[in-house]
Amino acid sequence: MNQSPEKEKGMSFIKKAGKWAPLIGGAWIVLNIVAPLALLRIPAVQKYLVVLEDKLPFDIPGVG
């Protein structure tokens, strides 16, 4: 069965996007999960967050 050129073009796009999906997914995980957790382990960042929390007009339980 011959597919129309439009359908073949669409399938080609899906195949190309599928190749990039793991890279984009991995980058999203690194930027949104790994990097913030790594920053929270740095003592200077922890001290900055404690000072910032003290300046907030509301209380965050379990912080500070």
C-alpha atoms as a PDB file:
ATOM      1  CA  MET A   1       0.000   0.000   0.000  1.00  0.00           C
ATOM      2  CA  ASN A   2       1.340   3.390  -0.944  1.00  0.00           C
ATOM      3  CA  GLN A   3       0.991   6.161   1.592  1.00  0.00           C
ATOM      4  CA  SER A   4       0.411   9.732   0.604  1.00  0.00           C
ATOM      5  CA  PRO A   5       3.450  12.030   0.663  1.00  0.00           C
ATOM      6  CA  GLU A   6       1.850  14.065   3.457  1.00  0.00           C
ATOM      7  CA  LYS A   7       1.498  10.992   5.668  1.00  0.00           C
ATOM      8  CA  GLU A   8       5.083   9.932   4.960  1.00  0.00           C
ATOM      9  CA  LYS A   9       6.264  13.430   5.842  1.00  0.00           C
ATOM     10  CA  GLY A  10       4.366  13.265   9.134  1.00  0.00           C
ATOM     11  CA  MET A  11       5.826   9.871   9.991  1.00  0.00           C
ATOM     12  CA  SER A  12       9.319  11.169   9.204  1.00  0.00           C
ATOM     13  CA  PHE A  13       8.784  14.057  11.631  1.00  0.00           C
ATOM     14  CA  ILE A  14       7.620  11.657  14.354  1.00  0.00           C
ATOM     15  CA  LYS A  15      10.683   9.475  13.823  1.00  0.00           C
ATOM     16  CA  LYS A  16      12.992  12.503  14.037  1.00  0.00           C
ATOM     17  CA  ALA A  17      11.234  13.772  17.155  1.00  0.00           C
ATOM     18  CA  GLY A  18      11.513  10.316  18.689  1.00  0.00           C
ATOM     19  CA  LYS A  19      15.285  10.448  18.330  1.00  0.00           C
ATOM     20  CA  TRP A  20      15.449  13.710  20.275  1.00  0.00           C
ATOM     21  CA  ALA A  21      12.949  12.761  22.993  1.00  0.00           C
ATOM     22  CA  PRO A  22      15.433  10.966  25.312  1.00  0.00           C
ATOM     23  CA  LEU A  23      17.891  13.858  25.068  1.00  0.00           C
ATOM     24  CA  ILE A  24      15.224  16.471  25.792  1.00  0.00           C
ATOM     25  CA  GLY A  25      13.783  14.361  28.621  1.00  0.00           C
ATOM     26  CA  GLY A  26      17.206  13.854  30.174  1.00  0.00           C
ATOM     27  CA  ALA A  27      17.991  17.569  29.957  1.00  0.00           C
ATOM     28  CA  TRP A  28      14.650  18.409  31.610  1.00  0.00           C
ATOM     29  CA  ILE A  29      15.374  16.034  34.485  1.00  0.00           C
ATOM     30  CA  VAL A  30      18.858  17.484  34.990  1.00  0.00           C
ATOM     31  CA  LEU A  31      17.676  21.099  34.910  1.00  0.00           C
ATOM     32  CA  ASN A  32      14.612  20.652  37.089  1.00  0.00           C
ATOM     33  CA  ILE A  33      15.648  17.936  39.564  1.00  0.00           C
ATOM     34  CA  VAL A  34      19.381  17.232  39.664  1.00  0.00           C
ATOM     35  CA  ALA A  35      20.653  20.840  39.514  1.00  0.00           C
ATOM     36  CA  PRO A  36      18.398  22.198  42.307  1.00  0.00           C
ATOM     37  CA  LEU A  37      19.242  19.251  44.569  1.00  0.00           C
ATOM     38  CA  ALA A  38      22.948  19.772  43.907  1.00  0.00           C
ATOM     39  CA  LEU A  39      22.614  23.487  44.719  1.00  0.00           C
ATOM     40  CA  LEU A  40      20.871  22.692  48.015  1.00  0.00           C
ATOM     41  CA  ARG A  41      23.946  20.735  49.153  1.00  0.00           C
ATOM     42  CA  ILE A  42      26.170  23.840  48.967  1.00  0.00           C
ATOM     43  CA  PRO A  43      26.436  25.463  52.433  1.00  0.00           C
ATOM     44  CA  ALA A  44      26.450  29.025  51.042  1.00  0.00           C
ATOM     45  CA  VAL A  45      23.165  28.365  49.210  1.00  0.00           C
ATOM     46  CA  GLN A  46      21.654  26.888  52.380  1.00  0.00           C
ATOM     47  CA  LYS A  47      22.630  29.964  54.400  1.00  0.00           C
ATOM     48  CA  TYR A  48      21.212  32.272  51.721  1.00  0.00           C
ATOM     49  CA  LEU A  49      17.896  30.393  51.749  1.00  0.00           C
ATOM     50  CA  VAL A  50      17.681  30.585  55.554  1.00  0.00           C
ATOM     51  CA  VAL A  51      18.292  34.359  55.453  1.00  0.00           C
ATOM     52  CA  LEU A  52      15.750  34.721  52.660  1.00  0.00           C
ATOM     53  CA  GLU A  53      13.201  32.674  54.626  1.00  0.00           C
ATOM     54  CA  ASP A  54      13.637  34.956  57.646  1.00  0.00           C
ATOM     55  CA  LYS A  55      12.707  37.969  55.490  1.00  0.00           C
ATOM     56  CA  LEU A  56       9.435  36.460  54.246  1.00  0.00           C
ATOM     57  CA  PRO A  57       6.266  37.841  55.850  1.00  0.00           C
ATOM     58  CA  PHE A  58       4.863  34.319  56.360  1.00  0.00           C
ATOM     59  CA  ASP A  59       6.103  31.147  58.063  1.00  0.00           C
ATOM     60  CA  ILE A  60       7.181  28.030  56.186  1.00  0.00           C
ATOM     61  CA  PRO A  61       7.062  25.020  58.537  1.00  0.00           C
ATOM     62  CA  GLY A  62      10.219  22.931  58.631  1.00  0.00           C
ATOM     63  CA  VAL A  63      12.523  25.601  57.161  1.00  0.00           C
ATOM     64  CA  GLY A  64      15.155  27.359  59.243  1.00  0.00           C
END
